[in-house]
């Protein structure tokens, strides 16, 4: 099957490579000529513009957009007059699901079918496949299902010719889900599921980080100072005299532990390279999905304590709690005479 791919960043380029290896044809475009030439080296057809990309696709066309959420509407604006009734336009980035509903309605007026595909797998996706969460029209999903089956992990990757056939138009079935892709529902459903997926990701990452930080400070009874005793007194220092190898602990957890996961694998890998993580500043960004997840939980009245706390911890990592902490010190000085000077 032939598909056009717009956006050849870390994920888009690897998705093109995986599709090519799976026997599909890809026409690729990016504002960076170097990015286009890089995938052309793997066998993709280079496009010099969005118009050129569309010209190289047979009807009904399938075009996959893999760009930041902020510019999706701009790209769709360029594509819309070039596409025809029956074509399928796919947004595989991290758009807000509400935008998907609007876009699908607008494109439907021109007979263009729009799919929102939440894509998880990151830079590891080329080798291990991508988990795909799909929203939109079922007939459009069936049309591009061979592509979805190849991108998904499914155990039927590139070298298996059966990968090109997908799951025979049953993208909403348990069989497809077990391969790593699922038609979740109508427009917006794919990105809604991916949004919550990323909210959960925030919580899991925070749990690993907090637990490992506690293990790293299990030697407090050996290293505590007079200043420590004033701010966080130990009831009995003898209970905290463990100098633990955090890297080795993450490694042993990877083997048979109930909390093993891909996130733990990545953590162990990072600690094996540098046990002190000296190359990281400790400022953690959030790309939007965590916020949208918390907002959705508020709107439907569903408690999301862990997901909310994980989001707020990211804000704190970027210094957004500095004034609040100074105010706490000021109040403690006022009512108790506790002097906490600036470092």
C-alpha atoms as a PDB file:
ATOM      1  CA  UNK A   1       0.000   0.000   0.000  1.00  0.00           C
ATOM      2  CA  UNK A   2       1.213   3.557  -0.709  1.00  0.00           C
ATOM      3  CA  UNK A   3       0.923   6.326   1.898  1.00  0.00           C
ATOM      4  CA  UNK A   4       2.091   9.899   2.217  1.00  0.00           C
ATOM      5  CA  UNK A   5       3.871  10.915   5.437  1.00  0.00           C
ATOM      6  CA  UNK A   6       4.142  14.562   6.420  1.00  0.00           C
ATOM      7  CA  UNK A   7       6.517  15.205   9.331  1.00  0.00           C
ATOM      8  CA  UNK A   8       9.778  13.300   9.577  1.00  0.00           C
ATOM      9  CA  UNK A   9      10.862  13.957  13.140  1.00  0.00           C
ATOM     10  CA  UNK A  10      12.046  11.272  15.541  1.00  0.00           C
ATOM     11  CA  UNK A  11       8.817   9.281  15.254  1.00  0.00           C
ATOM     12  CA  UNK A  12       7.670  10.117  11.722  1.00  0.00           C
ATOM     13  CA  UNK A  13      10.953   9.075  10.112  1.00  0.00           C
ATOM     14  CA  UNK A  14      11.044   5.793  11.991  1.00  0.00           C
ATOM     15  CA  UNK A  15       7.435   5.067  11.066  1.00  0.00           C
ATOM     16  CA  UNK A  16       8.353   5.530   7.415  1.00  0.00           C
ATOM     17  CA  UNK A  17      11.261   3.129   7.835  1.00  0.00           C
ATOM     18  CA  UNK A  18       9.035   0.516   9.494  1.00  0.00           C
ATOM     19  CA  UNK A  19       6.409   0.790   6.756  1.00  0.00           C
ATOM     20  CA  UNK A  20       9.059   0.463   4.051  1.00  0.00           C
ATOM     21  CA  UNK A  21      10.519  -2.586   5.733  1.00  0.00           C
ATOM     22  CA  UNK A  22       7.018  -4.039   5.881  1.00  0.00           C
ATOM     23  CA  UNK A  23       6.623  -3.816   2.133  1.00  0.00           C
ATOM     24  CA  UNK A  24       4.653  -0.579   1.804  1.00  0.00           C
ATOM     25  CA  UNK A  25       5.503   2.435  -0.357  1.00  0.00           C
ATOM     26  CA  UNK A  26       5.939   5.825   1.310  1.00  0.00           C
ATOM     27  CA  UNK A  27       5.985   9.317  -0.150  1.00  0.00           C
ATOM     28  CA  UNK A  28       7.654  11.556   2.434  1.00  0.00           C
ATOM     29  CA  UNK A  29       7.676  15.312   3.023  1.00  0.00           C
ATOM     30  CA  UNK A  30       9.152  17.550   5.690  1.00  0.00           C
ATOM     31  CA  UNK A  31      10.164  21.197   5.752  1.00  0.00           C
ATOM     32  CA  UNK A  32      13.696  19.920   6.354  1.00  0.00           C
ATOM     33  CA  UNK A  33      15.231  18.714   3.094  1.00  0.00           C
ATOM     34  CA  UNK A  34      17.813  16.766   5.076  1.00  0.00           C
ATOM     35  CA  UNK A  35      15.027  14.813   6.815  1.00  0.00           C
ATOM     36  CA  UNK A  36      13.441  13.981   3.436  1.00  0.00           C
ATOM     37  CA  UNK A  37      16.752  12.854   1.975  1.00  0.00           C
ATOM     38  CA  UNK A  38      17.429  10.695   5.028  1.00  0.00           C
ATOM     39  CA  UNK A  39      14.266   8.601   4.542  1.00  0.00           C
ATOM     40  CA  UNK A  40      14.787   8.589   0.773  1.00  0.00           C
ATOM     41  CA  UNK A  41      17.979   6.730   1.557  1.00  0.00           C
ATOM     42  CA  UNK A  42      15.837   3.942   3.005  1.00  0.00           C
ATOM     43  CA  UNK A  43      13.632   3.761  -0.095  1.00  0.00           C
ATOM     44  CA  UNK A  44      10.951   6.421   0.445  1.00  0.00           C
ATOM     45  CA  UNK A  45       9.832   8.613  -2.442  1.00  0.00           C
ATOM     46  CA  UNK A  46      10.919  12.188  -1.731  1.00  0.00           C
ATOM     47  CA  UNK A  47       8.381  14.990  -2.081  1.00  0.00           C
ATOM     48  CA  UNK A  48       9.488  18.586  -2.519  1.00  0.00           C
ATOM     49  CA  UNK A  49       6.194  20.000  -1.271  1.00  0.00           C
ATOM     50  CA  UNK A  50       2.802  18.974   0.077  1.00  0.00           C
ATOM     51  CA  UNK A  51       1.395  19.386  -3.436  1.00  0.00           C
ATOM     52  CA  UNK A  52       4.093  17.091  -4.794  1.00  0.00           C
ATOM     53  CA  UNK A  53       3.310  14.507  -2.117  1.00  0.00           C
ATOM     54  CA  UNK A  54      -0.398  14.437  -2.980  1.00  0.00           C
ATOM     55  CA  UNK A  55       0.361  14.115  -6.720  1.00  0.00           C
ATOM     56  CA  UNK A  56       2.358  10.958  -6.059  1.00  0.00           C
ATOM     57  CA  UNK A  57      -0.482   9.159  -4.262  1.00  0.00           C
ATOM     58  CA  UNK A  58      -3.130   6.993  -5.960  1.00  0.00           C
ATOM     59  CA  UNK A  59      -6.811   7.483  -5.148  1.00  0.00           C
ATOM     60  CA  UNK A  60      -8.191   6.989  -2.609  1.00  0.00           C
ATOM     61  CA  UNK A  61      -5.212   8.705  -1.019  1.00  0.00           C
ATOM     62  CA  UNK A  62      -3.955   8.055   2.493  1.00  0.00           C
ATOM     63  CA  UNK A  63      -1.962  10.858   4.118  1.00  0.00           C
ATOM     64  CA  UNK A  64      -0.488  10.588   7.622  1.00  0.00           C
ATOM     65  CA  UNK A  65       0.404  13.791   9.474  1.00  0.00           C
ATOM     66  CA  UNK A  66       3.086  13.458  12.160  1.00  0.00           C
ATOM     67  CA  UNK A  67       3.661  17.035  13.302  1.00  0.00           C
ATOM     68  CA  UNK A  68       3.283  18.992  16.576  1.00  0.00           C
ATOM     69  CA  UNK A  69      -0.317  19.588  17.627  1.00  0.00           C
ATOM     70  CA  UNK A  70       0.105  23.364  17.267  1.00  0.00           C
ATOM     71  CA  UNK A  71       0.571  23.182  13.484  1.00  0.00           C
ATOM     72  CA  UNK A  72      -1.857  20.395  12.547  1.00  0.00           C
ATOM     73  CA  UNK A  73      -4.573  22.843  11.467  1.00  0.00           C
ATOM     74  CA  UNK A  74      -2.074  24.690   9.285  1.00  0.00           C
ATOM     75  CA  UNK A  75      -1.029  21.468   7.543  1.00  0.00           C
ATOM     76  CA  UNK A  76      -4.655  20.396   7.082  1.00  0.00           C
ATOM     77  CA  UNK A  77      -5.364  23.834   5.613  1.00  0.00           C
ATOM     78  CA  UNK A  78      -2.739  23.165   2.939  1.00  0.00           C
ATOM     79  CA  UNK A  79      -3.956  19.625   2.296  1.00  0.00           C
ATOM     80  CA  UNK A  80      -7.705  20.162   2.163  1.00  0.00           C
ATOM     81  CA  UNK A  81      -7.939  21.736  -1.327  1.00  0.00           C
ATOM     82  CA  UNK A  82      -5.630  19.043  -2.705  1.00  0.00           C
ATOM     83  CA  UNK A  83      -7.561  16.027  -1.414  1.00  0.00           C
ATOM     84  CA  UNK A  84     -10.719  14.519  -2.877  1.00  0.00           C
ATOM     85  CA  UNK A  85     -13.811  12.663  -1.719  1.00  0.00           C
ATOM     86  CA  UNK A  86     -12.888   9.265  -0.298  1.00  0.00           C
ATOM     87  CA  UNK A  87      -9.339  10.215   0.726  1.00  0.00           C
ATOM     88  CA  UNK A  88      -8.200   9.455   4.275  1.00  0.00           C
ATOM     89  CA  UNK A  89      -6.302  11.983   6.390  1.00  0.00           C
ATOM     90  CA  UNK A  90      -4.646  10.693   9.561  1.00  0.00           C
ATOM     91  CA  UNK A  91      -3.295  12.720  12.474  1.00  0.00           C
ATOM     92  CA  UNK A  92      -0.893  10.503  14.417  1.00  0.00           C
ATOM     93  CA  UNK A  93       0.437  13.193  16.767  1.00  0.00           C
ATOM     94  CA  UNK A  94      -0.809  14.300  20.154  1.00  0.00           C
ATOM     95  CA  UNK A  95      -3.719  16.554  19.239  1.00  0.00           C
ATOM     96  CA  UNK A  96      -6.484  17.428  21.663  1.00  0.00           C
ATOM     97  CA  UNK A  97      -9.406  15.087  20.975  1.00  0.00           C
ATOM     98  CA  UNK A  98     -11.800  18.060  20.866  1.00  0.00           C
ATOM     99  CA  UNK A  99      -9.893  19.411  17.881  1.00  0.00           C
ATOM    100  CA  UNK A 100     -10.294  16.018  16.204  1.00  0.00           C
ATOM    101  CA  UNK A 101     -14.081  16.210  16.468  1.00  0.00           C
ATOM    102  CA  UNK A 102     -14.062  19.658  14.850  1.00  0.00           C
ATOM    103  CA  UNK A 103     -11.664  18.630  12.092  1.00  0.00           C
ATOM    104  CA  UNK A 104     -13.584  15.464  11.266  1.00  0.00           C
ATOM    105  CA  UNK A 105     -16.820  17.422  10.902  1.00  0.00           C
ATOM    106  CA  UNK A 106     -15.190  20.055   8.699  1.00  0.00           C
ATOM    107  CA  UNK A 107     -13.476  17.523   6.426  1.00  0.00           C
ATOM    108  CA  UNK A 108     -16.566  15.345   6.136  1.00  0.00           C
ATOM    109  CA  UNK A 109     -18.300  18.182   4.271  1.00  0.00           C
ATOM    110  CA  UNK A 110     -15.738  17.643   1.496  1.00  0.00           C
ATOM    111  CA  UNK A 111     -16.029  13.861   1.700  1.00  0.00           C
ATOM    112  CA  UNK A 112     -12.566  13.523   3.261  1.00  0.00           C
ATOM    113  CA  UNK A 113     -12.345  10.934   6.022  1.00  0.00           C
ATOM    114  CA  UNK A 114     -10.312  11.893   9.090  1.00  0.00           C
ATOM    115  CA  UNK A 115      -8.748   9.495  11.586  1.00  0.00           C
ATOM    116  CA  UNK A 116      -7.128  10.445  14.881  1.00  0.00           C
ATOM    117  CA  UNK A 117      -4.484   7.904  15.847  1.00  0.00           C
ATOM    118  CA  UNK A 118      -2.844   8.087  19.253  1.00  0.00           C
ATOM    119  CA  UNK A 119       0.634   6.688  18.679  1.00  0.00           C
ATOM    120  CA  UNK A 120       2.781   5.327  21.489  1.00  0.00           C
ATOM    121  CA  UNK A 121       6.235   3.861  21.088  1.00  0.00           C
ATOM    122  CA  UNK A 122       8.572   6.823  20.869  1.00  0.00           C
ATOM    123  CA  UNK A 123      12.042   6.359  19.457  1.00  0.00           C
ATOM    124  CA  UNK A 124      11.840   2.602  20.135  1.00  0.00           C
ATOM    125  CA  UNK A 125       8.931   2.143  17.745  1.00  0.00           C
ATOM    126  CA  UNK A 126      10.924   1.207  14.657  1.00  0.00           C
ATOM    127  CA  UNK A 127      12.250  -1.949  16.292  1.00  0.00           C
ATOM    128  CA  UNK A 128       9.428  -2.759  18.707  1.00  0.00           C
ATOM    129  CA  UNK A 129       6.378  -1.360  16.933  1.00  0.00           C
ATOM    130  CA  UNK A 130       3.835   1.305  17.851  1.00  0.00           C
ATOM    131  CA  UNK A 131       0.735   0.966  19.974  1.00  0.00           C
ATOM    132  CA  UNK A 132      -2.042   2.616  17.953  1.00  0.00           C
ATOM    133  CA  UNK A 133      -5.308   3.962  19.371  1.00  0.00           C
ATOM    134  CA  UNK A 134      -7.672   4.945  16.568  1.00  0.00           C
ATOM    135  CA  UNK A 135     -10.734   7.164  16.348  1.00  0.00           C
ATOM    136  CA  UNK A 136     -12.928   7.834  13.328  1.00  0.00           C
ATOM    137  CA  UNK A 137     -14.960   6.169  10.618  1.00  0.00           C
ATOM    138  CA  UNK A 138     -14.753   2.365  10.513  1.00  0.00           C
ATOM    139  CA  UNK A 139     -14.587   2.190   6.706  1.00  0.00           C
ATOM    140  CA  UNK A 140     -11.601   4.532   6.704  1.00  0.00           C
ATOM    141  CA  UNK A 141      -9.903   2.391   9.338  1.00  0.00           C
ATOM    142  CA  UNK A 142     -10.466  -0.706   7.209  1.00  0.00           C
ATOM    143  CA  UNK A 143      -8.903   1.027   4.205  1.00  0.00           C
ATOM    144  CA  UNK A 144      -5.626   1.763   6.005  1.00  0.00           C
ATOM    145  CA  UNK A 145      -5.576  -1.305   8.232  1.00  0.00           C
ATOM    146  CA  UNK A 146      -2.660  -2.921   6.384  1.00  0.00           C
ATOM    147  CA  UNK A 147      -0.575   0.102   7.379  1.00  0.00           C
ATOM    148  CA  UNK A 148      -1.761  -0.085  10.992  1.00  0.00           C
ATOM    149  CA  UNK A 149      -0.922  -3.784  11.212  1.00  0.00           C
ATOM    150  CA  UNK A 150       2.616  -3.160   9.997  1.00  0.00           C
ATOM    151  CA  UNK A 151       3.227  -0.249  12.356  1.00  0.00           C
ATOM    152  CA  UNK A 152       1.873  -2.153  15.371  1.00  0.00           C
ATOM    153  CA  UNK A 153       4.077  -4.616  17.310  1.00  0.00           C
ATOM    154  CA  UNK A 154       1.883  -7.671  16.771  1.00  0.00           C
ATOM    155  CA  UNK A 155       4.597 -10.256  16.292  1.00  0.00           C
ATOM    156  CA  UNK A 156       4.014  -9.940  12.533  1.00  0.00           C
ATOM    157  CA  UNK A 157       6.485  -7.217  11.805  1.00  0.00           C
ATOM    158  CA  UNK A 158       8.293  -6.584   8.593  1.00  0.00           C
ATOM    159  CA  UNK A 159       9.721  -9.990   7.760  1.00  0.00           C
ATOM    160  CA  UNK A 160       6.295 -11.701   7.898  1.00  0.00           C
ATOM    161  CA  UNK A 161       4.403 -11.194   4.579  1.00  0.00           C
ATOM    162  CA  UNK A 162       1.114 -11.630   6.468  1.00  0.00           C
ATOM    163  CA  UNK A 163       1.716  -8.267   8.125  1.00  0.00           C
ATOM    164  CA  UNK A 164       0.551  -6.473   5.005  1.00  0.00           C
ATOM    165  CA  UNK A 165      -2.921  -7.977   5.245  1.00  0.00           C
ATOM    166  CA  UNK A 166      -3.771  -6.681   8.718  1.00  0.00           C
ATOM    167  CA  UNK A 167      -6.579  -8.298  10.671  1.00  0.00           C
ATOM    168  CA  UNK A 168      -9.016  -8.383   7.730  1.00  0.00           C
ATOM    169  CA  UNK A 169     -10.926  -5.246   8.562  1.00  0.00           C
ATOM    170  CA  UNK A 170     -11.436  -6.110  12.215  1.00  0.00           C
ATOM    171  CA  UNK A 171      -9.525  -3.285  13.839  1.00  0.00           C
ATOM    172  CA  UNK A 172     -11.967  -3.155  16.761  1.00  0.00           C
ATOM    173  CA  UNK A 173     -11.531  -6.837  17.560  1.00  0.00           C
ATOM    174  CA  UNK A 174      -9.578  -8.477  20.389  1.00  0.00           C
ATOM    175  CA  UNK A 175      -7.316  -9.950  17.703  1.00  0.00           C
ATOM    176  CA  UNK A 176      -6.304  -6.494  16.511  1.00  0.00           C
ATOM    177  CA  UNK A 177      -5.871  -5.247  20.081  1.00  0.00           C
ATOM    178  CA  UNK A 178      -3.561  -8.163  20.805  1.00  0.00           C
ATOM    179  CA  UNK A 179      -1.470  -7.062  17.816  1.00  0.00           C
ATOM    180  CA  UNK A 180      -1.173  -3.538  19.218  1.00  0.00           C
ATOM    181  CA  UNK A 181      -3.790  -1.462  17.417  1.00  0.00           C
ATOM    182  CA  UNK A 182      -7.450  -0.781  18.139  1.00  0.00           C
ATOM    183  CA  UNK A 183     -10.315   1.193  16.626  1.00  0.00           C
ATOM    184  CA  UNK A 184     -11.504   2.757  19.870  1.00  0.00           C
ATOM    185  CA  UNK A 185     -14.575   4.605  18.587  1.00  0.00           C
ATOM    186  CA  UNK A 186     -15.758   7.672  16.630  1.00  0.00           C
ATOM    187  CA  UNK A 187     -13.773  10.832  15.961  1.00  0.00           C
ATOM    188  CA  UNK A 188     -11.661  11.900  18.933  1.00  0.00           C
ATOM    189  CA  UNK A 189     -11.739   8.498  20.635  1.00  0.00           C
ATOM    190  CA  UNK A 190      -8.198   7.597  19.594  1.00  0.00           C
ATOM    191  CA  UNK A 191      -6.629  10.740  20.973  1.00  0.00           C
ATOM    192  CA  UNK A 192      -8.861  10.633  24.051  1.00  0.00           C
ATOM    193  CA  UNK A 193      -7.511   7.167  24.883  1.00  0.00           C
ATOM    194  CA  UNK A 194      -3.944   8.318  24.129  1.00  0.00           C
ATOM    195  CA  UNK A 195      -4.475  11.378  26.341  1.00  0.00           C
ATOM    196  CA  UNK A 196      -5.391   9.194  29.312  1.00  0.00           C
ATOM    197  CA  UNK A 197      -2.530   6.830  28.417  1.00  0.00           C
ATOM    198  CA  UNK A 198      -0.116   9.752  28.776  1.00  0.00           C
ATOM    199  CA  UNK A 199      -1.740  10.846  32.032  1.00  0.00           C
ATOM    200  CA  UNK A 200      -1.116   7.344  33.396  1.00  0.00           C
ATOM    201  CA  UNK A 201       2.437   7.577  32.087  1.00  0.00           C
ATOM    202  CA  UNK A 202       2.970  10.714  34.195  1.00  0.00           C
ATOM    203  CA  UNK A 203       1.780   8.841  37.288  1.00  0.00           C
ATOM    204  CA  UNK A 204       3.945   5.783  36.659  1.00  0.00           C
ATOM    205  CA  UNK A 205       7.025   7.900  36.050  1.00  0.00           C
ATOM    206  CA  UNK A 206       6.413   9.863  39.238  1.00  0.00           C
ATOM    207  CA  UNK A 207       5.995   6.668  41.275  1.00  0.00           C
ATOM    208  CA  UNK A 208       9.305   5.249  40.041  1.00  0.00           C
ATOM    209  CA  UNK A 209      11.071   8.568  40.613  1.00  0.00           C
ATOM    210  CA  UNK A 210       9.728   9.031  44.160  1.00  0.00           C
ATOM    211  CA  UNK A 211      10.410   5.437  45.195  1.00  0.00           C
ATOM    212  CA  UNK A 212      13.956   5.447  43.877  1.00  0.00           C
ATOM    213  CA  UNK A 213      14.594   8.814  45.512  1.00  0.00           C
ATOM    214  CA  UNK A 214      13.561   7.310  48.844  1.00  0.00           C
ATOM    215  CA  UNK A 215      15.976   4.423  48.322  1.00  0.00           C
ATOM    216  CA  UNK A 216      18.732   6.913  47.488  1.00  0.00           C
ATOM    217  CA  UNK A 217      18.189   8.604  50.860  1.00  0.00           C
ATOM    218  CA  UNK A 218      18.040   5.393  52.890  1.00  0.00           C
ATOM    219  CA  UNK A 219      21.510   6.279  54.220  1.00  0.00           C
ATOM    220  CA  UNK A 220      20.214   9.330  56.101  1.00  0.00           C
ATOM    221  CA  UNK A 221      21.350   7.846  59.407  1.00  0.00           C
ATOM    222  CA  UNK A 222      24.927   7.801  58.131  1.00  0.00           C
ATOM    223  CA  UNK A 223      24.973  11.170  56.383  1.00  0.00           C
ATOM    224  CA  UNK A 224      22.655  13.380  58.439  1.00  0.00           C
ATOM    225  CA  UNK A 225      23.998  16.723  59.676  1.00  0.00           C
ATOM    226  CA  UNK A 226      22.896  19.186  62.326  1.00  0.00           C
ATOM    227  CA  UNK A 227      20.955  21.089  59.682  1.00  0.00           C
ATOM    228  CA  UNK A 228      19.168  17.891  58.643  1.00  0.00           C
ATOM    229  CA  UNK A 229      18.245  17.167  62.225  1.00  0.00           C
ATOM    230  CA  UNK A 230      16.553  20.566  62.485  1.00  0.00           C
ATOM    231  CA  UNK A 231      14.442  20.187  59.347  1.00  0.00           C
ATOM    232  CA  UNK A 232      13.823  16.423  59.228  1.00  0.00           C
ATOM    233  CA  UNK A 233      14.866  14.770  62.480  1.00  0.00           C
ATOM    234  CA  UNK A 234      15.417  10.998  62.414  1.00  0.00           C
ATOM    235  CA  UNK A 235      13.696   9.156  65.244  1.00  0.00           C
ATOM    236  CA  UNK A 236      16.391   6.482  65.168  1.00  0.00           C
ATOM    237  CA  UNK A 237      19.302   6.898  62.758  1.00  0.00           C
ATOM    238  CA  UNK A 238      20.121   3.184  62.956  1.00  0.00           C
ATOM    239  CA  UNK A 239      17.045   2.438  60.850  1.00  0.00           C
ATOM    240  CA  UNK A 240      18.433   4.420  57.919  1.00  0.00           C
ATOM    241  CA  UNK A 241      21.955   3.161  57.322  1.00  0.00           C
ATOM    242  CA  UNK A 242      21.570   1.533  53.906  1.00  0.00           C
ATOM    243  CA  UNK A 243      23.885   2.650  51.124  1.00  0.00           C
ATOM    244  CA  UNK A 244      21.992   1.188  48.209  1.00  0.00           C
ATOM    245  CA  UNK A 245      23.028   0.758  44.584  1.00  0.00           C
ATOM    246  CA  UNK A 246      20.015   2.290  42.847  1.00  0.00           C
ATOM    247  CA  UNK A 247      21.160   1.206  39.395  1.00  0.00           C
ATOM    248  CA  UNK A 248      21.493  -2.424  40.499  1.00  0.00           C
ATOM    249  CA  UNK A 249      18.091  -2.292  42.183  1.00  0.00           C
ATOM    250  CA  UNK A 250      16.361  -1.072  39.023  1.00  0.00           C
ATOM    251  CA  UNK A 251      18.110  -3.851  37.135  1.00  0.00           C
ATOM    252  CA  UNK A 252      16.978  -6.598  39.506  1.00  0.00           C
ATOM    253  CA  UNK A 253      13.420  -5.255  39.421  1.00  0.00           C
ATOM    254  CA  UNK A 254      13.427  -5.755  35.655  1.00  0.00           C
ATOM    255  CA  UNK A 255      13.614  -9.527  36.106  1.00  0.00           C
ATOM    256  CA  UNK A 256      10.467 -11.139  37.471  1.00  0.00           C
ATOM    257  CA  UNK A 257       9.268  -8.137  39.476  1.00  0.00           C
ATOM    258  CA  UNK A 258       5.590  -7.233  39.380  1.00  0.00           C
ATOM    259  CA  UNK A 259       6.560  -3.591  38.727  1.00  0.00           C
ATOM    260  CA  UNK A 260       8.738  -4.353  35.698  1.00  0.00           C
ATOM    261  CA  UNK A 261       7.899  -2.224  32.656  1.00  0.00           C
ATOM    262  CA  UNK A 262       9.392  -0.450  29.677  1.00  0.00           C
ATOM    263  CA  UNK A 263       9.710   2.693  31.798  1.00  0.00           C
ATOM    264  CA  UNK A 264      11.723   0.727  34.342  1.00  0.00           C
ATOM    265  CA  UNK A 265      13.905  -0.620  31.521  1.00  0.00           C
ATOM    266  CA  UNK A 266      14.676   2.930  30.433  1.00  0.00           C
ATOM    267  CA  UNK A 267      15.390   3.994  34.017  1.00  0.00           C
ATOM    268  CA  UNK A 268      17.819   1.114  34.522  1.00  0.00           C
ATOM    269  CA  UNK A 269      19.521   1.950  31.238  1.00  0.00           C
ATOM    270  CA  UNK A 270      19.991   5.593  32.238  1.00  0.00           C
ATOM    271  CA  UNK A 271      21.391   4.689  35.666  1.00  0.00           C
ATOM    272  CA  UNK A 272      23.763   2.151  34.121  1.00  0.00           C
ATOM    273  CA  UNK A 273      25.221   4.937  31.972  1.00  0.00           C
ATOM    274  CA  UNK A 274      25.504   7.440  34.828  1.00  0.00           C
ATOM    275  CA  UNK A 275      24.437   6.545  38.364  1.00  0.00           C
ATOM    276  CA  UNK A 276      24.331  10.221  39.345  1.00  0.00           C
ATOM    277  CA  UNK A 277      22.383  11.331  36.237  1.00  0.00           C
ATOM    278  CA  UNK A 278      24.717  14.318  36.009  1.00  0.00           C
ATOM    279  CA  UNK A 279      23.556  15.151  32.496  1.00  0.00           C
ATOM    280  CA  UNK A 280      20.000  15.962  33.588  1.00  0.00           C
ATOM    281  CA  UNK A 281      18.834  19.225  35.105  1.00  0.00           C
ATOM    282  CA  UNK A 282      15.740  17.897  36.853  1.00  0.00           C
ATOM    283  CA  UNK A 283      13.354  20.257  35.054  1.00  0.00           C
ATOM    284  CA  UNK A 284      10.547  18.133  33.604  1.00  0.00           C
ATOM    285  CA  UNK A 285       8.294  19.410  30.813  1.00  0.00           C
ATOM    286  CA  UNK A 286       4.682  18.441  30.164  1.00  0.00           C
ATOM    287  CA  UNK A 287       3.467  18.297  26.573  1.00  0.00           C
ATOM    288  CA  UNK A 288      -0.233  18.865  27.171  1.00  0.00           C
ATOM    289  CA  UNK A 289      -1.835  15.441  27.477  1.00  0.00           C
ATOM    290  CA  UNK A 290      -1.385  15.288  31.255  1.00  0.00           C
ATOM    291  CA  UNK A 291      -3.191  18.605  31.661  1.00  0.00           C
ATOM    292  CA  UNK A 292      -5.996  17.547  29.324  1.00  0.00           C
ATOM    293  CA  UNK A 293      -6.405  14.300  31.273  1.00  0.00           C
ATOM    294  CA  UNK A 294      -6.833  16.154  34.559  1.00  0.00           C
ATOM    295  CA  UNK A 295      -9.232  18.625  32.921  1.00  0.00           C
ATOM    296  CA  UNK A 296     -11.343  15.756  31.576  1.00  0.00           C
ATOM    297  CA  UNK A 297     -11.410  14.108  35.006  1.00  0.00           C
ATOM    298  CA  UNK A 298     -12.655  17.356  36.534  1.00  0.00           C
ATOM    299  CA  UNK A 299     -15.351  17.790  33.893  1.00  0.00           C
ATOM    300  CA  UNK A 300     -16.800  14.301  34.325  1.00  0.00           C
ATOM    301  CA  UNK A 301     -16.281  14.270  38.092  1.00  0.00           C
ATOM    302  CA  UNK A 302     -13.842  11.362  38.231  1.00  0.00           C
ATOM    303  CA  UNK A 303     -11.141  11.395  40.952  1.00  0.00           C
ATOM    304  CA  UNK A 304      -7.611  11.380  39.532  1.00  0.00           C
ATOM    305  CA  UNK A 305      -5.427  11.986  42.587  1.00  0.00           C
ATOM    306  CA  UNK A 306      -2.252  10.329  41.292  1.00  0.00           C
ATOM    307  CA  UNK A 307      -2.452  11.796  37.793  1.00  0.00           C
ATOM    308  CA  UNK A 308      -3.034  15.300  39.175  1.00  0.00           C
ATOM    309  CA  UNK A 309      -0.174  15.029  41.663  1.00  0.00           C
ATOM    310  CA  UNK A 310       2.174  13.798  38.931  1.00  0.00           C
ATOM    311  CA  UNK A 311       1.303  16.788  36.759  1.00  0.00           C
ATOM    312  CA  UNK A 312       1.825  19.243  39.616  1.00  0.00           C
ATOM    313  CA  UNK A 313       5.200  17.679  40.449  1.00  0.00           C
ATOM    314  CA  UNK A 314       6.321  18.559  36.930  1.00  0.00           C
ATOM    315  CA  UNK A 315       5.311  22.169  37.509  1.00  0.00           C
ATOM    316  CA  UNK A 316       7.303  22.149  40.748  1.00  0.00           C
ATOM    317  CA  UNK A 317      10.395  20.764  38.996  1.00  0.00           C
ATOM    318  CA  UNK A 318      10.478  23.894  36.845  1.00  0.00           C
ATOM    319  CA  UNK A 319      10.703  26.243  39.841  1.00  0.00           C
ATOM    320  CA  UNK A 320       7.010  27.105  39.919  1.00  0.00           C
ATOM    321  CA  UNK A 321       6.853  26.397  43.665  1.00  0.00           C
ATOM    322  CA  UNK A 322       9.661  28.744  44.669  1.00  0.00           C
ATOM    323  CA  UNK A 323       7.457  31.605  45.868  1.00  0.00           C
ATOM    324  CA  UNK A 324       5.118  29.195  47.658  1.00  0.00           C
ATOM    325  CA  UNK A 325       8.055  27.683  49.541  1.00  0.00           C
ATOM    326  CA  UNK A 326       9.375  31.124  50.503  1.00  0.00           C
ATOM    327  CA  UNK A 327       5.922  32.025  51.820  1.00  0.00           C
ATOM    328  CA  UNK A 328       5.942  28.879  53.958  1.00  0.00           C
ATOM    329  CA  UNK A 329       9.281  29.936  55.433  1.00  0.00           C
ATOM    330  CA  UNK A 330       7.958  33.444  56.070  1.00  0.00           C
ATOM    331  CA  UNK A 331       4.920  32.101  57.918  1.00  0.00           C
ATOM    332  CA  UNK A 332       7.037  29.716  60.006  1.00  0.00           C
ATOM    333  CA  UNK A 333       9.259  32.618  61.001  1.00  0.00           C
ATOM    334  CA  UNK A 334       6.218  34.661  61.946  1.00  0.00           C
ATOM    335  CA  UNK A 335       4.482  32.153  64.211  1.00  0.00           C
ATOM    336  CA  UNK A 336       7.408  30.105  65.487  1.00  0.00           C
ATOM    337  CA  UNK A 337      10.577  32.125  65.058  1.00  0.00           C
ATOM    338  CA  UNK A 338      12.029  29.521  62.685  1.00  0.00           C
ATOM    339  CA  UNK A 339      14.822  31.096  60.625  1.00  0.00           C
ATOM    340  CA  UNK A 340      15.195  29.542  57.175  1.00  0.00           C
ATOM    341  CA  UNK A 341      17.673  31.608  55.212  1.00  0.00           C
ATOM    342  CA  UNK A 342      18.026  31.602  51.462  1.00  0.00           C
ATOM    343  CA  UNK A 343      20.768  29.231  50.248  1.00  0.00           C
END
